[in-house]
Amino acid sequence: MRVAIFGTTGAGKSTLLKDLKSLLDDSYVFVDENFESPYFKQAYDENSSDIQTTNYKLDLWMLTDRMKTFKKYINQKNIIYDRSLLDSMVFAETDHNYGRLNDVDYHVFKDYFLSCVVPNFYKKELKEFKYDLVIYLKVDEDTAIQRINKRHRNEEAKTKDKFWRSLCRNYETWYEFYKDVLPIMVIDSTNQDHLDYAKQIVERINQFDSKKDC
């Protein structure tokens, strides 16, 4: 089963992955987000004079890396992605809202994403470009920011709350778009215990596997 975790920074993806690793069998491969981009640190430096160009490069790099990762595991039967192709447009949208991406680069990126990436989500003849389940970890803005501040990662600490609030809202916007082309399970990660909803997700995965084996 091909599963993508979808949710803003601070939604609880790392905790969910840890729980799923303990609840699922060894047949599942877990793919973590790649932070090895050569543009990552500079893109989060709000004092950079070239921040728009750098963020455009970062958004393209992340989209390309996620596609390469997707193809790398194309024959893997059971796989769960920390982040996926779905996240790329959300971050580009937020970068544009926040002034990290200029109008021209944003529209070029969005046109490419909608024309060349999104159609692969639901074309039945291209089964390898289809997620069997997307887990949307929905969290309120204040809770997400509290979690971000608590873990104090260097690049995240340099970013103002305004960006995280915009990112959270854009995840909701793109969820409304994706739900029409992908099977999405919405989880309240603000109020619900993380182990409880991890068990609900495993139950959903097991139901899917049972139907597939019939």
C-alpha atoms as a PDB file:
ATOM      1  CA  MET A   1       0.000   0.000   0.000  1.00  0.00           C
ATOM      2  CA  ARG A   2       1.307   3.428  -0.969  1.00  0.00           C
ATOM      3  CA  VAL A   3       0.617   5.946   1.816  1.00  0.00           C
ATOM      4  CA  ALA A   4       1.482   9.654   1.971  1.00  0.00           C
ATOM      5  CA  ILE A   5       1.462  11.710   5.160  1.00  0.00           C
ATOM      6  CA  PHE A   6       0.133  15.203   4.418  1.00  0.00           C
ATOM      7  CA  GLY A   7       0.265  18.022   6.927  1.00  0.00           C
ATOM      8  CA  THR A   8       1.902  21.271   7.914  1.00  0.00           C
ATOM      9  CA  THR A   9       5.140  21.578   9.836  1.00  0.00           C
ATOM     10  CA  GLY A  10       4.308  20.788  13.460  1.00  0.00           C
ATOM     11  CA  ALA A  11       1.317  18.594  12.600  1.00  0.00           C
ATOM     12  CA  GLY A  12       2.905  15.523  14.185  1.00  0.00           C
ATOM     13  CA  LYS A  13       4.266  13.621  11.185  1.00  0.00           C
ATOM     14  CA  SER A  14       7.458  12.447  12.917  1.00  0.00           C
ATOM     15  CA  THR A  15       5.505  11.143  15.902  1.00  0.00           C
ATOM     16  CA  LEU A  16       3.019   9.397  13.618  1.00  0.00           C
ATOM     17  CA  LEU A  17       5.801   7.705  11.656  1.00  0.00           C
ATOM     18  CA  LYS A  18       7.353   6.479  14.898  1.00  0.00           C
ATOM     19  CA  ASP A  19       4.003   5.031  16.003  1.00  0.00           C
ATOM     20  CA  LEU A  20       3.332   3.402  12.629  1.00  0.00           C
ATOM     21  CA  LYS A  21       6.758   1.776  12.646  1.00  0.00           C
ATOM     22  CA  SER A  22       5.876   0.095  15.929  1.00  0.00           C
ATOM     23  CA  LEU A  23       2.391  -0.956  14.804  1.00  0.00           C
ATOM     24  CA  LEU A  24       2.964  -2.171  11.229  1.00  0.00           C
ATOM     25  CA  ASP A  25       4.902  -5.236  10.130  1.00  0.00           C
ATOM     26  CA  ASP A  26       8.383  -5.207   8.611  1.00  0.00           C
ATOM     27  CA  SER A  27       7.071  -5.230   5.051  1.00  0.00           C
ATOM     28  CA  TYR A  28       6.574  -1.449   5.234  1.00  0.00           C
ATOM     29  CA  VAL A  29       9.330   0.907   4.126  1.00  0.00           C
ATOM     30  CA  PHE A  30       9.313   4.396   5.657  1.00  0.00           C
ATOM     31  CA  VAL A  31      10.737   7.290   3.646  1.00  0.00           C
ATOM     32  CA  ASP A  32      11.805  10.368   5.618  1.00  0.00           C
ATOM     33  CA  GLU A  33      11.942  13.894   4.260  1.00  0.00           C
ATOM     34  CA  ASN A  34      15.249  14.790   2.608  1.00  0.00           C
ATOM     35  CA  PHE A  35      16.938  17.883   4.084  1.00  0.00           C
ATOM     36  CA  GLU A  36      20.097  17.632   1.967  1.00  0.00           C
ATOM     37  CA  SER A  37      19.191  20.378  -0.493  1.00  0.00           C
ATOM     38  CA  PRO A  38      22.070  22.789  -1.230  1.00  0.00           C
ATOM     39  CA  TYR A  39      19.537  25.642  -1.008  1.00  0.00           C
ATOM     40  CA  PHE A  40      17.913  24.757   2.302  1.00  0.00           C
ATOM     41  CA  LYS A  41      19.788  26.966   4.770  1.00  0.00           C
ATOM     42  CA  GLN A  42      19.933  30.030   2.530  1.00  0.00           C
ATOM     43  CA  ALA A  43      16.242  29.754   1.668  1.00  0.00           C
ATOM     44  CA  TYR A  44      15.341  30.091   5.355  1.00  0.00           C
ATOM     45  CA  ASP A  45      17.619  33.113   5.851  1.00  0.00           C
ATOM     46  CA  GLU A  46      15.217  36.056   5.780  1.00  0.00           C
ATOM     47  CA  ASN A  47      18.142  38.479   5.582  1.00  0.00           C
ATOM     48  CA  SER A  48      19.332  37.024   2.277  1.00  0.00           C
ATOM     49  CA  SER A  49      19.243  39.491  -0.631  1.00  0.00           C
ATOM     50  CA  ASP A  50      18.536  36.635  -3.045  1.00  0.00           C
ATOM     51  CA  ILE A  51      15.818  34.888  -1.060  1.00  0.00           C
ATOM     52  CA  GLN A  52      13.228  34.731  -3.889  1.00  0.00           C
ATOM     53  CA  THR A  53      15.593  33.113  -6.384  1.00  0.00           C
ATOM     54  CA  THR A  54      16.873  30.705  -3.740  1.00  0.00           C
ATOM     55  CA  ASN A  55      13.379  29.631  -2.712  1.00  0.00           C
ATOM     56  CA  TYR A  56      12.377  29.022  -6.318  1.00  0.00           C
ATOM     57  CA  LYS A  57      15.404  26.760  -6.664  1.00  0.00           C
ATOM     58  CA  LEU A  58      14.537  25.054  -3.367  1.00  0.00           C
ATOM     59  CA  ASP A  59      10.915  24.429  -4.376  1.00  0.00           C
ATOM     60  CA  LEU A  60      12.062  22.933  -7.687  1.00  0.00           C
ATOM     61  CA  TRP A  61      14.736  20.855  -5.977  1.00  0.00           C
ATOM     62  CA  MET A  62      12.239  19.462  -3.442  1.00  0.00           C
ATOM     63  CA  LEU A  63       9.695  18.616  -6.143  1.00  0.00           C
ATOM     64  CA  THR A  64      12.367  16.862  -8.202  1.00  0.00           C
ATOM     65  CA  ASP A  65      13.716  14.982  -5.196  1.00  0.00           C
ATOM     66  CA  ARG A  66      10.237  13.779  -4.231  1.00  0.00           C
ATOM     67  CA  MET A  67       9.601  12.553  -7.763  1.00  0.00           C
ATOM     68  CA  LYS A  68      12.947  10.733  -7.820  1.00  0.00           C
ATOM     69  CA  THR A  69      12.178   9.163  -4.448  1.00  0.00           C
ATOM     70  CA  PHE A  70       8.747   8.114  -5.649  1.00  0.00           C
ATOM     71  CA  LYS A  71      10.256   6.396  -8.680  1.00  0.00           C
ATOM     72  CA  LYS A  72      13.023   4.816  -6.601  1.00  0.00           C
ATOM     73  CA  TYR A  73      10.451   2.861  -4.602  1.00  0.00           C
ATOM     74  CA  ILE A  74       8.107   2.229  -7.506  1.00  0.00           C
ATOM     75  CA  ASN A  75       8.222  -1.550  -7.031  1.00  0.00           C
ATOM     76  CA  GLN A  76       7.979  -1.455  -3.247  1.00  0.00           C
ATOM     77  CA  LYS A  77       4.686  -3.051  -2.249  1.00  0.00           C
ATOM     78  CA  ASN A  78       4.202  -1.237   1.065  1.00  0.00           C
ATOM     79  CA  ILE A  79       5.595   2.242   1.589  1.00  0.00           C
ATOM     80  CA  ILE A  80       4.842   5.311   3.703  1.00  0.00           C
ATOM     81  CA  TYR A  81       6.149   8.769   2.808  1.00  0.00           C
ATOM     82  CA  ASP A  82       6.853  11.451   5.430  1.00  0.00           C
ATOM     83  CA  ARG A  83       6.355  14.060   2.702  1.00  0.00           C
ATOM     84  CA  SER A  84       5.270  13.522  -0.881  1.00  0.00           C
ATOM     85  CA  LEU A  85       4.665  15.277  -4.179  1.00  0.00           C
ATOM     86  CA  LEU A  86       1.475  16.673  -2.662  1.00  0.00           C
ATOM     87  CA  ASP A  87       3.405  18.953  -0.310  1.00  0.00           C
ATOM     88  CA  SER A  88       5.390  20.754  -2.997  1.00  0.00           C
ATOM     89  CA  MET A  89       2.613  23.058  -4.184  1.00  0.00           C
ATOM     90  CA  VAL A  90       1.623  23.913  -0.612  1.00  0.00           C
ATOM     91  CA  PHE A  91       5.108  25.181   0.167  1.00  0.00           C
ATOM     92  CA  ALA A  92       5.357  27.076  -3.137  1.00  0.00           C
ATOM     93  CA  GLU A  93       2.008  28.728  -2.402  1.00  0.00           C
ATOM     94  CA  THR A  94       3.194  29.749   1.049  1.00  0.00           C
ATOM     95  CA  ASP A  95       6.539  31.007  -0.231  1.00  0.00           C
ATOM     96  CA  HIS A  96       4.612  33.214  -2.655  1.00  0.00           C
ATOM     97  CA  ASN A  97       2.227  34.482   0.039  1.00  0.00           C
ATOM     98  CA  TYR A  98       5.162  35.280   2.283  1.00  0.00           C
ATOM     99  CA  GLY A  99       7.202  37.071  -0.388  1.00  0.00           C
ATOM    100  CA  ARG A 100       9.810  34.346  -0.758  1.00  0.00           C
ATOM    101  CA  LEU A 101       8.688  33.609  -4.313  1.00  0.00           C
ATOM    102  CA  ASN A 102       7.977  36.255  -6.957  1.00  0.00           C
ATOM    103  CA  ASP A 103       4.832  36.250  -9.098  1.00  0.00           C
ATOM    104  CA  VAL A 104       6.465  34.956 -12.288  1.00  0.00           C
ATOM    105  CA  ASP A 105       8.278  32.033 -10.645  1.00  0.00           C
ATOM    106  CA  TYR A 106       5.179  31.120  -8.639  1.00  0.00           C
ATOM    107  CA  HIS A 107       2.945  30.929 -11.717  1.00  0.00           C
ATOM    108  CA  VAL A 108       5.543  28.953 -13.688  1.00  0.00           C
ATOM    109  CA  PHE A 109       5.852  26.468 -10.807  1.00  0.00           C
ATOM    110  CA  LYS A 110       2.074  26.199 -10.373  1.00  0.00           C
ATOM    111  CA  ASP A 111       1.440  25.729 -14.103  1.00  0.00           C
ATOM    112  CA  TYR A 112       3.994  22.933 -14.230  1.00  0.00           C
ATOM    113  CA  PHE A 113       2.613  21.284 -11.102  1.00  0.00           C
ATOM    114  CA  LEU A 114      -1.006  21.350 -12.276  1.00  0.00           C
ATOM    115  CA  SER A 115      -0.184  20.353 -15.860  1.00  0.00           C
ATOM    116  CA  CYS A 116       2.505  17.713 -15.360  1.00  0.00           C
ATOM    117  CA  VAL A 117       2.338  16.445 -11.776  1.00  0.00           C
ATOM    118  CA  VAL A 118      -1.277  16.465 -10.604  1.00  0.00           C
ATOM    119  CA  PRO A 119      -2.697  14.479 -13.585  1.00  0.00           C
ATOM    120  CA  ASN A 120      -0.501  11.557 -12.549  1.00  0.00           C
ATOM    121  CA  PHE A 121      -2.354  11.247  -9.245  1.00  0.00           C
ATOM    122  CA  TYR A 122      -5.511   9.882 -10.799  1.00  0.00           C
ATOM    123  CA  LYS A 123      -4.744   8.458 -14.251  1.00  0.00           C
ATOM    124  CA  LYS A 124      -5.643   4.808 -13.880  1.00  0.00           C
ATOM    125  CA  GLU A 125      -3.292   3.711 -16.648  1.00  0.00           C
ATOM    126  CA  LEU A 126      -0.359   5.096 -14.619  1.00  0.00           C
ATOM    127  CA  LYS A 127      -0.841   3.060 -11.477  1.00  0.00           C
ATOM    128  CA  GLU A 128       2.646   3.817 -10.197  1.00  0.00           C
ATOM    129  CA  PHE A 129       1.669   7.485  -9.868  1.00  0.00           C
ATOM    130  CA  LYS A 130      -1.176   6.922  -7.461  1.00  0.00           C
ATOM    131  CA  TYR A 131      -1.355   7.068  -3.681  1.00  0.00           C
ATOM    132  CA  ASP A 132      -3.629   4.447  -2.169  1.00  0.00           C
ATOM    133  CA  LEU A 133      -4.194   6.589   0.913  1.00  0.00           C
ATOM    134  CA  VAL A 134      -3.281  10.106   2.014  1.00  0.00           C
ATOM    135  CA  ILE A 135      -3.285  10.851   5.741  1.00  0.00           C
ATOM    136  CA  TYR A 136      -4.072  14.530   6.339  1.00  0.00           C
ATOM    137  CA  LEU A 137      -2.868  15.488   9.807  1.00  0.00           C
ATOM    138  CA  LYS A 138      -5.008  18.527  10.509  1.00  0.00           C
ATOM    139  CA  VAL A 139      -3.772  20.819  13.273  1.00  0.00           C
ATOM    140  CA  ASP A 140      -4.643  24.334  14.388  1.00  0.00           C
ATOM    141  CA  GLU A 141      -2.100  27.091  13.793  1.00  0.00           C
ATOM    142  CA  ASP A 142      -1.274  27.799  17.442  1.00  0.00           C
ATOM    143  CA  THR A 143      -0.616  24.147  18.259  1.00  0.00           C
ATOM    144  CA  ALA A 144       1.627  23.742  15.212  1.00  0.00           C
ATOM    145  CA  ILE A 145       3.659  26.825  16.174  1.00  0.00           C
ATOM    146  CA  GLN A 146       4.000  25.629  19.776  1.00  0.00           C
ATOM    147  CA  ARG A 147       5.405  22.314  18.545  1.00  0.00           C
ATOM    148  CA  ILE A 148       7.789  24.045  16.132  1.00  0.00           C
ATOM    149  CA  ASN A 149       9.117  26.315  18.876  1.00  0.00           C
ATOM    150  CA  LYS A 150       9.462  23.419  21.310  1.00  0.00           C
ATOM    151  CA  ARG A 151      11.726  21.337  19.054  1.00  0.00           C
ATOM    152  CA  HIS A 152      13.753  24.420  18.021  1.00  0.00           C
ATOM    153  CA  ARG A 153      15.259  23.304  14.729  1.00  0.00           C
ATOM    154  CA  ASN A 154      17.718  25.927  13.474  1.00  0.00           C
ATOM    155  CA  GLU A 155      16.130  26.787  10.119  1.00  0.00           C
ATOM    156  CA  GLU A 156      12.594  26.728  11.535  1.00  0.00           C
ATOM    157  CA  ALA A 157      13.588  28.998  14.429  1.00  0.00           C
ATOM    158  CA  LYS A 158      14.600  31.712  11.945  1.00  0.00           C
ATOM    159  CA  THR A 159      11.119  31.786  10.419  1.00  0.00           C
ATOM    160  CA  LYS A 160       8.384  34.047  11.762  1.00  0.00           C
ATOM    161  CA  ASP A 161       4.986  32.783  12.912  1.00  0.00           C
ATOM    162  CA  LYS A 162       3.315  34.508   9.951  1.00  0.00           C
ATOM    163  CA  PHE A 163       4.862  31.946   7.592  1.00  0.00           C
ATOM    164  CA  TRP A 164       3.704  28.956   9.665  1.00  0.00           C
ATOM    165  CA  ARG A 165       0.161  30.327   9.892  1.00  0.00           C
ATOM    166  CA  SER A 166       0.053  30.794   6.130  1.00  0.00           C
ATOM    167  CA  LEU A 167       1.442  27.280   5.612  1.00  0.00           C
ATOM    168  CA  CYS A 168      -1.244  25.793   7.850  1.00  0.00           C
ATOM    169  CA  ARG A 169      -4.004  27.606   5.927  1.00  0.00           C
ATOM    170  CA  ASN A 170      -2.560  26.550   2.581  1.00  0.00           C
ATOM    171  CA  TYR A 171      -2.559  22.906   3.644  1.00  0.00           C
ATOM    172  CA  GLU A 172      -6.296  23.253   4.214  1.00  0.00           C
ATOM    173  CA  THR A 173      -6.736  24.939   0.814  1.00  0.00           C
ATOM    174  CA  TRP A 174      -4.876  22.222  -1.058  1.00  0.00           C
ATOM    175  CA  TYR A 175      -6.611  19.480   0.915  1.00  0.00           C
ATOM    176  CA  GLU A 176      -9.866  20.793  -0.569  1.00  0.00           C
ATOM    177  CA  PHE A 177      -8.319  20.381  -4.025  1.00  0.00           C
ATOM    178  CA  TYR A 178      -6.690  16.980  -3.485  1.00  0.00           C
ATOM    179  CA  LYS A 179      -9.726  15.361  -1.869  1.00  0.00           C
ATOM    180  CA  ASP A 180     -11.432  15.273  -5.268  1.00  0.00           C
ATOM    181  CA  VAL A 181      -8.668  13.186  -6.864  1.00  0.00           C
ATOM    182  CA  LEU A 182      -7.231  11.124  -3.998  1.00  0.00           C
ATOM    183  CA  PRO A 183      -8.525   8.992  -1.087  1.00  0.00           C
ATOM    184  CA  ILE A 184      -7.819  11.124   1.987  1.00  0.00           C
ATOM    185  CA  MET A 185      -8.260  10.239   5.657  1.00  0.00           C
ATOM    186  CA  VAL A 186      -8.496  13.350   7.857  1.00  0.00           C
ATOM    187  CA  ILE A 187      -7.016  13.124  11.353  1.00  0.00           C
ATOM    188  CA  ASP A 188      -7.437  15.714  14.109  1.00  0.00           C
ATOM    189  CA  SER A 189      -3.885  15.899  15.420  1.00  0.00           C
ATOM    190  CA  THR A 190      -4.672  18.881  17.676  1.00  0.00           C
ATOM    191  CA  ASN A 191      -6.955  17.149  20.157  1.00  0.00           C
ATOM    192  CA  GLN A 192      -6.687  13.429  19.472  1.00  0.00           C
ATOM    193  CA  ASP A 193      -4.039  11.250  21.142  1.00  0.00           C
ATOM    194  CA  HIS A 194      -1.311  10.380  18.641  1.00  0.00           C
ATOM    195  CA  LEU A 195      -1.309   6.668  19.454  1.00  0.00           C
ATOM    196  CA  ASP A 196      -5.098   6.465  19.126  1.00  0.00           C
ATOM    197  CA  TYR A 197      -5.131   7.905  15.633  1.00  0.00           C
ATOM    198  CA  ALA A 198      -2.101   5.841  14.629  1.00  0.00           C
ATOM    199  CA  LYS A 199      -4.135   2.735  15.474  1.00  0.00           C
ATOM    200  CA  GLN A 200      -7.052   4.068  13.409  1.00  0.00           C
ATOM    201  CA  ILE A 201      -4.722   4.519  10.447  1.00  0.00           C
ATOM    202  CA  VAL A 202      -3.338   0.997  10.819  1.00  0.00           C
ATOM    203  CA  GLU A 203      -6.889  -0.341  10.877  1.00  0.00           C
ATOM    204  CA  ARG A 204      -7.622   1.532   7.638  1.00  0.00           C
ATOM    205  CA  ILE A 205      -4.431   0.157   6.059  1.00  0.00           C
ATOM    206  CA  ASN A 206      -5.288  -3.393   7.126  1.00  0.00           C
ATOM    207  CA  GLN A 207      -8.776  -3.044   5.651  1.00  0.00           C
ATOM    208  CA  PHE A 208      -7.270  -1.958   2.345  1.00  0.00           C
ATOM    209  CA  ASP A 209      -4.787  -4.842   2.350  1.00  0.00           C
ATOM    210  CA  SER A 210      -7.568  -7.330   3.108  1.00  0.00           C
ATOM    211  CA  LYS A 211      -9.657  -6.113   0.167  1.00  0.00           C
ATOM    212  CA  LYS A 212      -6.644  -6.227  -2.133  1.00  0.00           C
ATOM    213  CA  ASP A 213      -5.924  -9.835  -1.179  1.00  0.00           C
ATOM    214  CA  CYS A 214      -9.485 -10.950  -1.920  1.00  0.00           C
END
